[in-house]
Every structure is written in structure tokens, then in C-alpha cells.
Amino acid sequence: MPRQTWDDSFNLLKKLHKTMKVYPSKKENLTLYNWINYQRLSNKKGVLSKDKIDKLNSINFIWSPTEAHWQENISRYEKFLAQNNNNLPSLSTNNPLEKRLAQWVNFVRKKYRLLKLSQNQVSDLRKIGFIFTPHHQLWFEKFTSLKSFIKKNGRFPQARAKTEEGSLYRWCKIQSMSYQLENLKKNDFFLLKEVKFEKFIEELPTYEKVPVKLIELAKKNE
């Protein structure tokens, strides 16, 4: 069997890169795992050619093992939520993979509280709707319901007494005041902006909107 060349390994990684966000583990593909680590080491020692560096950069190769580990956990967290109806991983589970992920969530929350996450890391977390505080779970669940409703109906919820849509509408009304005064948590504001929450506010009756003077006053006192 012919020996695998550098280009063979590169093309395999390039192909995998299109279908998965994380690199293969030692268990999944030992040969490619070792090849990836060797490229990082060679680059660190300054013995990797410019042509190879350029090729790897063209597929956004992750040079830092720490960054690679971060992206792996981001991907696992996102996948877990998708497979578990947006329920967070639990520390009390008997599943070792879920428990490890729950420990990572707690570790990230602690670093966030201590302001020890980089801007890029916070941005990565916001993009996947990471819940920075445990008590924020209920807010996120409502937001997820809102996002699903918009996707299904192509509009924001309307007032419907004693219905799930009505409950979601009332939640949106509560958020609208904080949104207009810009005193929501940054992550919440970012998520609502993502679903174009301004449209919901535009559709509200005038008497339910925050007066312009009050908004201007709030901004002046920031």
C-alpha cells in the first residue's frame, strides 16, 4: 500500500473541513490526528514551508491546539442542544460525555464572570445562544420558542388570550420595553436583534411603546 503523501492528508482534511466543524480525534482517525499535530509542531519550529502554510491557511486551519479544543467544545454544545430540545447538559447524568460537557459549561460561565474570556470566545458563544447564567435558562427557552414561531409562521406572535401564542406575545411585550431602553443583557439584545425584534415593536399600538422622550432620557443618563 503506497504511503500517504502530504497532499493526500491535506485533501482529506479539506474534505472533512467542509462537512464538520471539528478535527478528528485520536480515536476517529489516528493518522490524520497525528498529521495535524505534526503540522502545528513543524510551524512552531519554523520548518514548515510557506507553500504548505498557505495551503493550510486557505482552509482556515486551526494552528493552536487550545483554539481547536475550544471549537470542539463549541460544536459539541451546539450539537447537544439540537439533539436534546435545547435542554442543557446535566452534571447529574450517568452519561460521561454529557457530564464532561456540563463541566465545560460551568467552567466557561466562571471564566465569563471573571472576565477571562476573549472577545472572540464571547462572540462564538453568543452566536450559538450560549446561556451565561443558570437563571437565564427560562429567558432562553422563551426566546427559542419565539424563534421557532417566527420560522414556522413568518411573523411575530399576536395577542391571543389563553393560548401559547398569546403567552409568547406577552413575553415579547415585556422584552420590548427593555429592548427600547437598551437595558437588556448584551447577549439578550444581540439575540433579539438577530430575529429583527424591531418589527415587533413597530407593530405595537402607540400607547404600548416606550415614549421617545423616555428613551432619550435613558440614553442621556447612561
C-alpha atoms as a PDB file:
ATOM      1  CA  MET A   1       0.000   0.000   0.000  1.00  0.00           C
ATOM      2  CA  PRO A   2       1.556   3.357  -1.077  1.00  0.00           C
ATOM      3  CA  ARG A   3       2.492   5.761   1.689  1.00  0.00           C
ATOM      4  CA  GLN A   4       0.116   8.695   2.176  1.00  0.00           C
ATOM      5  CA  THR A   5       1.627  11.948   0.906  1.00  0.00           C
ATOM      6  CA  TRP A   6       1.307  15.410   2.488  1.00  0.00           C
ATOM      7  CA  ASP A   7      -1.179  16.402  -0.228  1.00  0.00           C
ATOM      8  CA  ASP A   8      -3.246  13.264   0.418  1.00  0.00           C
ATOM      9  CA  SER A   9      -3.599  14.203   4.097  1.00  0.00           C
ATOM     10  CA  PHE A  10      -4.274  17.839   3.237  1.00  0.00           C
ATOM     11  CA  ASN A  11      -7.030  16.934   0.758  1.00  0.00           C
ATOM     12  CA  LEU A  12      -8.617  14.601   3.282  1.00  0.00           C
ATOM     13  CA  LEU A  13      -8.627  17.344   5.911  1.00  0.00           C
ATOM     14  CA  LYS A  14     -10.003  19.818   3.361  1.00  0.00           C
ATOM     15  CA  LYS A  15     -12.836  17.427   2.528  1.00  0.00           C
ATOM     16  CA  LEU A  16     -13.640  16.846   6.209  1.00  0.00           C
ATOM     17  CA  HIS A  17     -13.492  20.581   6.883  1.00  0.00           C
ATOM     18  CA  LYS A  18     -16.499  21.117   4.603  1.00  0.00           C
ATOM     19  CA  THR A  19     -18.703  18.663   6.470  1.00  0.00           C
ATOM     20  CA  MET A  20     -17.585  19.030  10.107  1.00  0.00           C
ATOM     21  CA  LYS A  21     -16.527  21.894  12.359  1.00  0.00           C
ATOM     22  CA  VAL A  22     -14.040  19.919  14.438  1.00  0.00           C
ATOM     23  CA  TYR A  23     -10.961  17.903  13.575  1.00  0.00           C
ATOM     24  CA  PRO A  24     -10.970  14.126  14.019  1.00  0.00           C
ATOM     25  CA  SER A  25      -9.967  12.778  17.416  1.00  0.00           C
ATOM     26  CA  LYS A  26      -7.213  10.218  18.002  1.00  0.00           C
ATOM     27  CA  LYS A  27      -9.885   7.511  18.158  1.00  0.00           C
ATOM     28  CA  GLU A  28     -11.658   8.630  14.966  1.00  0.00           C
ATOM     29  CA  ASN A  29      -8.606   8.901  12.718  1.00  0.00           C
ATOM     30  CA  LEU A  30      -5.198   8.406  14.352  1.00  0.00           C
ATOM     31  CA  THR A  31      -3.208   9.039  11.147  1.00  0.00           C
ATOM     32  CA  LEU A  32      -4.856  12.371  10.385  1.00  0.00           C
ATOM     33  CA  TYR A  33      -4.823  13.354  14.066  1.00  0.00           C
ATOM     34  CA  ASN A  34      -1.036  12.843  14.200  1.00  0.00           C
ATOM     35  CA  TRP A  35      -0.578  14.638  10.854  1.00  0.00           C
ATOM     36  CA  ILE A  36      -2.463  17.715  12.135  1.00  0.00           C
ATOM     37  CA  ASN A  37      -0.340  17.856  15.290  1.00  0.00           C
ATOM     38  CA  TYR A  38       2.834  17.446  13.223  1.00  0.00           C
ATOM     39  CA  GLN A  39       1.884  20.471  11.052  1.00  0.00           C
ATOM     40  CA  ARG A  40       1.406  22.572  14.183  1.00  0.00           C
ATOM     41  CA  LEU A  41       4.733  21.455  15.627  1.00  0.00           C
ATOM     42  CA  SER A  42       6.581  21.999  12.333  1.00  0.00           C
ATOM     43  CA  ASN A  43       5.137  25.504  12.030  1.00  0.00           C
ATOM     44  CA  LYS A  44       6.093  26.286  15.628  1.00  0.00           C
ATOM     45  CA  LYS A  45       9.666  25.180  14.925  1.00  0.00           C
ATOM     46  CA  GLY A  46       9.723  27.229  11.724  1.00  0.00           C
ATOM     47  CA  VAL A  47      10.384  24.255   9.452  1.00  0.00           C
ATOM     48  CA  LEU A  48       7.037  24.176   7.609  1.00  0.00           C
ATOM     49  CA  SER A  49       7.298  25.577   4.063  1.00  0.00           C
ATOM     50  CA  LYS A  50       5.427  28.740   3.080  1.00  0.00           C
ATOM     51  CA  ASP A  51       3.539  26.809   0.400  1.00  0.00           C
ATOM     52  CA  LYS A  52       2.172  24.376   2.990  1.00  0.00           C
ATOM     53  CA  ILE A  53       1.347  27.160   5.431  1.00  0.00           C
ATOM     54  CA  ASP A  54      -0.562  28.995   2.677  1.00  0.00           C
ATOM     55  CA  LYS A  55      -2.472  25.849   1.756  1.00  0.00           C
ATOM     56  CA  LEU A  56      -3.466  25.210   5.367  1.00  0.00           C
ATOM     57  CA  ASN A  57      -4.449  28.843   5.861  1.00  0.00           C
ATOM     58  CA  SER A  58      -6.679  28.601   2.770  1.00  0.00           C
ATOM     59  CA  ILE A  59      -8.940  26.157   4.663  1.00  0.00           C
ATOM     60  CA  ASN A  60      -8.747  28.164   7.911  1.00  0.00           C
ATOM     61  CA  PHE A  61      -6.532  25.601   9.604  1.00  0.00           C
ATOM     62  CA  ILE A  62      -6.533  25.974  13.390  1.00  0.00           C
ATOM     63  CA  TRP A  63      -2.898  26.275  14.404  1.00  0.00           C
ATOM     64  CA  SER A  64      -3.475  26.462  18.140  1.00  0.00           C
ATOM     65  CA  PRO A  65      -4.405  23.207  19.965  1.00  0.00           C
ATOM     66  CA  THR A  66      -6.166  25.355  22.590  1.00  0.00           C
ATOM     67  CA  GLU A  67      -8.315  27.019  19.923  1.00  0.00           C
ATOM     68  CA  ALA A  68      -9.041  23.623  18.352  1.00  0.00           C
ATOM     69  CA  HIS A  69     -10.182  22.278  21.734  1.00  0.00           C
ATOM     70  CA  TRP A  70     -12.385  25.372  22.200  1.00  0.00           C
ATOM     71  CA  GLN A  71     -14.047  24.885  18.807  1.00  0.00           C
ATOM     72  CA  GLU A  72     -14.596  21.185  19.551  1.00  0.00           C
ATOM     73  CA  ASN A  73     -16.499  22.046  22.733  1.00  0.00           C
ATOM     74  CA  ILE A  74     -18.489  24.774  20.968  1.00  0.00           C
ATOM     75  CA  SER A  75     -19.514  22.241  18.326  1.00  0.00           C
ATOM     76  CA  ARG A  76     -20.390  19.575  20.920  1.00  0.00           C
ATOM     77  CA  TYR A  77     -22.511  22.060  22.895  1.00  0.00           C
ATOM     78  CA  GLU A  78     -24.375  23.196  19.776  1.00  0.00           C
ATOM     79  CA  LYS A  79     -24.957  19.589  18.688  1.00  0.00           C
ATOM     80  CA  PHE A  80     -26.155  18.569  22.173  1.00  0.00           C
ATOM     81  CA  LEU A  81     -28.780  21.349  22.249  1.00  0.00           C
ATOM     82  CA  ALA A  82     -30.016  20.405  18.786  1.00  0.00           C
ATOM     83  CA  GLN A  83     -30.393  16.748  19.786  1.00  0.00           C
ATOM     84  CA  ASN A  84     -31.949  17.423  23.202  1.00  0.00           C
ATOM     85  CA  ASN A  85     -34.647  20.009  22.501  1.00  0.00           C
ATOM     86  CA  ASN A  86     -32.409  22.866  23.754  1.00  0.00           C
ATOM     87  CA  ASN A  87     -32.014  21.287  27.202  1.00  0.00           C
ATOM     88  CA  LEU A  88     -28.633  21.953  28.782  1.00  0.00           C
ATOM     89  CA  PRO A  89     -26.216  19.131  29.659  1.00  0.00           C
ATOM     90  CA  SER A  90     -26.558  17.953  33.268  1.00  0.00           C
ATOM     91  CA  LEU A  91     -23.879  17.298  35.886  1.00  0.00           C
ATOM     92  CA  SER A  92     -26.059  14.600  37.488  1.00  0.00           C
ATOM     93  CA  THR A  93     -26.273  12.481  34.326  1.00  0.00           C
ATOM     94  CA  ASN A  94     -24.821   8.972  34.067  1.00  0.00           C
ATOM     95  CA  ASN A  95     -23.610   9.750  30.558  1.00  0.00           C
ATOM     96  CA  PRO A  96     -19.872  10.611  30.833  1.00  0.00           C
ATOM     97  CA  LEU A  97     -19.853  12.686  27.611  1.00  0.00           C
ATOM     98  CA  GLU A  98     -22.804  14.805  28.764  1.00  0.00           C
ATOM     99  CA  LYS A  99     -21.234  15.215  32.201  1.00  0.00           C
ATOM    100  CA  ARG A 100     -17.960  16.392  30.664  1.00  0.00           C
ATOM    101  CA  LEU A 101     -19.858  18.900  28.547  1.00  0.00           C
ATOM    102  CA  ALA A 102     -21.768  20.166  31.616  1.00  0.00           C
ATOM    103  CA  GLN A 103     -18.438  20.663  33.409  1.00  0.00           C
ATOM    104  CA  TRP A 104     -17.173  22.665  30.421  1.00  0.00           C
ATOM    105  CA  VAL A 105     -20.324  24.861  30.547  1.00  0.00           C
ATOM    106  CA  ASN A 106     -19.696  25.621  34.239  1.00  0.00           C
ATOM    107  CA  PHE A 107     -16.029  26.333  33.542  1.00  0.00           C
ATOM    108  CA  VAL A 108     -16.932  28.783  30.746  1.00  0.00           C
ATOM    109  CA  ARG A 109     -19.516  30.537  32.930  1.00  0.00           C
ATOM    110  CA  LYS A 110     -16.922  31.005  35.654  1.00  0.00           C
ATOM    111  CA  LYS A 111     -14.421  32.463  33.186  1.00  0.00           C
ATOM    112  CA  TYR A 112     -17.134  34.777  31.843  1.00  0.00           C
ATOM    113  CA  ARG A 113     -17.922  36.057  35.365  1.00  0.00           C
ATOM    114  CA  LEU A 114     -14.224  36.689  35.972  1.00  0.00           C
ATOM    115  CA  LEU A 115     -13.902  38.467  32.580  1.00  0.00           C
ATOM    116  CA  LYS A 116     -11.346  35.910  31.448  1.00  0.00           C
ATOM    117  CA  LEU A 117     -12.898  35.078  28.061  1.00  0.00           C
ATOM    118  CA  SER A 118     -11.561  36.756  24.932  1.00  0.00           C
ATOM    119  CA  GLN A 119     -13.841  38.849  22.707  1.00  0.00           C
ATOM    120  CA  ASN A 120     -13.700  36.127  20.056  1.00  0.00           C
ATOM    121  CA  GLN A 121     -14.733  33.481  22.576  1.00  0.00           C
ATOM    122  CA  VAL A 122     -17.676  35.569  23.806  1.00  0.00           C
ATOM    123  CA  SER A 123     -18.664  36.149  20.171  1.00  0.00           C
ATOM    124  CA  ASP A 124     -18.507  32.387  19.464  1.00  0.00           C
ATOM    125  CA  LEU A 125     -20.749  31.727  22.466  1.00  0.00           C
ATOM    126  CA  ARG A 126     -23.268  34.411  21.525  1.00  0.00           C
ATOM    127  CA  LYS A 127     -23.583  33.001  18.024  1.00  0.00           C
ATOM    128  CA  ILE A 128     -24.814  29.673  19.415  1.00  0.00           C
ATOM    129  CA  GLY A 129     -27.026  31.279  22.080  1.00  0.00           C
ATOM    130  CA  PHE A 130     -24.876  30.138  24.997  1.00  0.00           C
ATOM    131  CA  ILE A 131     -26.590  30.665  28.368  1.00  0.00           C
ATOM    132  CA  PHE A 132     -24.116  32.549  30.535  1.00  0.00           C
ATOM    133  CA  THR A 133     -26.103  32.264  33.786  1.00  0.00           C
ATOM    134  CA  PRO A 134     -28.253  29.329  35.009  1.00  0.00           C
ATOM    135  CA  HIS A 135     -31.257  31.509  35.905  1.00  0.00           C
ATOM    136  CA  HIS A 136     -31.212  32.779  32.330  1.00  0.00           C
ATOM    137  CA  GLN A 137     -32.454  29.382  31.093  1.00  0.00           C
ATOM    138  CA  LEU A 138     -36.133  30.415  31.216  1.00  0.00           C
ATOM    139  CA  TRP A 139     -35.414  33.526  29.138  1.00  0.00           C
ATOM    140  CA  PHE A 140     -33.574  31.457  26.570  1.00  0.00           C
ATOM    141  CA  GLU A 141     -36.385  28.889  26.405  1.00  0.00           C
ATOM    142  CA  LYS A 142     -38.872  31.672  25.616  1.00  0.00           C
ATOM    143  CA  PHE A 143     -36.526  33.129  23.016  1.00  0.00           C
ATOM    144  CA  THR A 144     -36.134  29.696  21.402  1.00  0.00           C
ATOM    145  CA  SER A 145     -39.939  29.383  21.258  1.00  0.00           C
ATOM    146  CA  LEU A 146     -40.118  32.839  19.659  1.00  0.00           C
ATOM    147  CA  LYS A 147     -37.505  31.919  17.077  1.00  0.00           C
ATOM    148  CA  SER A 148     -39.368  28.689  16.214  1.00  0.00           C
ATOM    149  CA  PHE A 149     -42.665  30.583  15.966  1.00  0.00           C
ATOM    150  CA  ILE A 150     -41.201  33.142  13.553  1.00  0.00           C
ATOM    151  CA  LYS A 151     -39.645  30.404  11.430  1.00  0.00           C
ATOM    152  CA  LYS A 152     -42.934  28.499  11.234  1.00  0.00           C
ATOM    153  CA  ASN A 153     -45.329  31.441  10.753  1.00  0.00           C
ATOM    154  CA  GLY A 154     -43.164  34.106   9.134  1.00  0.00           C
ATOM    155  CA  ARG A 155     -44.332  36.720  11.649  1.00  0.00           C
ATOM    156  CA  PHE A 156     -44.215  37.711  15.305  1.00  0.00           C
ATOM    157  CA  PRO A 157     -46.862  36.387  17.734  1.00  0.00           C
ATOM    158  CA  GLN A 158     -50.082  38.348  18.171  1.00  0.00           C
ATOM    159  CA  ALA A 159     -52.336  38.802  21.212  1.00  0.00           C
ATOM    160  CA  ARG A 160     -54.326  35.581  21.661  1.00  0.00           C
ATOM    161  CA  ALA A 161     -55.925  35.117  25.082  1.00  0.00           C
ATOM    162  CA  LYS A 162     -55.098  31.861  26.903  1.00  0.00           C
ATOM    163  CA  THR A 163     -53.070  30.411  24.041  1.00  0.00           C
ATOM    164  CA  GLU A 164     -49.402  29.604  23.653  1.00  0.00           C
ATOM    165  CA  GLU A 165     -49.136  32.369  21.050  1.00  0.00           C
ATOM    166  CA  GLY A 166     -50.725  34.814  23.497  1.00  0.00           C
ATOM    167  CA  SER A 167     -48.212  33.849  26.184  1.00  0.00           C
ATOM    168  CA  LEU A 168     -45.368  34.402  23.748  1.00  0.00           C
ATOM    169  CA  TYR A 169     -46.850  37.765  22.719  1.00  0.00           C
ATOM    170  CA  ARG A 170     -46.992  38.908  26.363  1.00  0.00           C
ATOM    171  CA  TRP A 171     -43.362  37.859  26.858  1.00  0.00           C
ATOM    172  CA  CYS A 172     -42.378  39.881  23.781  1.00  0.00           C
ATOM    173  CA  LYS A 173     -44.214  42.921  25.160  1.00  0.00           C
ATOM    174  CA  ILE A 174     -42.194  42.694  28.388  1.00  0.00           C
ATOM    175  CA  GLN A 175     -38.958  42.421  26.411  1.00  0.00           C
ATOM    176  CA  SER A 176     -39.933  45.333  24.161  1.00  0.00           C
ATOM    177  CA  MET A 177     -39.623  47.900  26.950  1.00  0.00           C
ATOM    178  CA  SER A 178     -36.139  46.745  27.964  1.00  0.00           C
ATOM    179  CA  TYR A 179     -35.147  46.489  24.298  1.00  0.00           C
ATOM    180  CA  GLN A 180     -36.206  50.071  23.530  1.00  0.00           C
ATOM    181  CA  LEU A 181     -34.429  51.390  26.629  1.00  0.00           C
ATOM    182  CA  GLU A 182     -31.400  49.232  25.770  1.00  0.00           C
ATOM    183  CA  ASN A 183     -31.094  47.860  29.302  1.00  0.00           C
ATOM    184  CA  LEU A 184     -31.180  44.189  28.329  1.00  0.00           C
ATOM    185  CA  LYS A 185     -28.151  41.978  28.859  1.00  0.00           C
ATOM    186  CA  LYS A 186     -25.868  42.347  25.853  1.00  0.00           C
ATOM    187  CA  ASN A 187     -26.350  38.731  24.820  1.00  0.00           C
ATOM    188  CA  ASP A 188     -30.172  39.030  25.017  1.00  0.00           C
ATOM    189  CA  PHE A 189     -30.142  42.247  23.000  1.00  0.00           C
ATOM    190  CA  PHE A 190     -27.924  40.599  20.387  1.00  0.00           C
ATOM    191  CA  LEU A 191     -30.265  37.583  20.072  1.00  0.00           C
ATOM    192  CA  LEU A 192     -33.428  39.704  19.764  1.00  0.00           C
ATOM    193  CA  LYS A 193     -31.752  41.927  17.189  1.00  0.00           C
ATOM    194  CA  GLU A 194     -30.916  38.776  15.251  1.00  0.00           C
ATOM    195  CA  VAL A 195     -34.644  38.000  14.797  1.00  0.00           C
ATOM    196  CA  LYS A 196     -35.354  41.661  13.851  1.00  0.00           C
ATOM    197  CA  PHE A 197     -37.248  42.378  17.061  1.00  0.00           C
ATOM    198  CA  GLU A 198     -37.717  45.992  15.946  1.00  0.00           C
ATOM    199  CA  LYS A 199     -40.546  44.725  13.704  1.00  0.00           C
ATOM    200  CA  PHE A 200     -42.485  43.502  16.747  1.00  0.00           C
ATOM    201  CA  ILE A 201     -42.092  46.929  18.371  1.00  0.00           C
ATOM    202  CA  GLU A 202     -43.228  48.681  15.182  1.00  0.00           C
ATOM    203  CA  GLU A 203     -46.429  46.611  15.216  1.00  0.00           C
ATOM    204  CA  LEU A 204     -47.285  47.554  18.823  1.00  0.00           C
ATOM    205  CA  PRO A 205     -50.029  50.151  19.422  1.00  0.00           C
ATOM    206  CA  THR A 206     -48.566  53.601  20.155  1.00  0.00           C
ATOM    207  CA  TYR A 207     -49.734  53.529  23.784  1.00  0.00           C
ATOM    208  CA  GLU A 208     -47.710  50.347  24.403  1.00  0.00           C
ATOM    209  CA  LYS A 209     -44.450  51.761  23.069  1.00  0.00           C
ATOM    210  CA  VAL A 210     -41.904  53.492  25.273  1.00  0.00           C
ATOM    211  CA  PRO A 211     -42.202  57.279  24.756  1.00  0.00           C
ATOM    212  CA  VAL A 212     -39.364  58.753  22.680  1.00  0.00           C
ATOM    213  CA  LYS A 213     -38.561  61.274  25.439  1.00  0.00           C
ATOM    214  CA  LEU A 214     -38.066  58.454  27.931  1.00  0.00           C
ATOM    215  CA  ILE A 215     -35.718  56.644  25.533  1.00  0.00           C
ATOM    216  CA  GLU A 216     -33.709  59.852  25.009  1.00  0.00           C
ATOM    217  CA  LEU A 217     -33.546  60.420  28.750  1.00  0.00           C
ATOM    218  CA  ALA A 218     -32.339  56.855  29.369  1.00  0.00           C
ATOM    219  CA  LYS A 219     -29.575  57.276  26.782  1.00  0.00           C
ATOM    220  CA  LYS A 220     -28.585  60.636  28.271  1.00  0.00           C
ATOM    221  CA  ASN A 221     -28.192  59.061  31.731  1.00  0.00           C
ATOM    222  CA  GLU A 222     -26.005  56.176  30.547  1.00  0.00           C
END
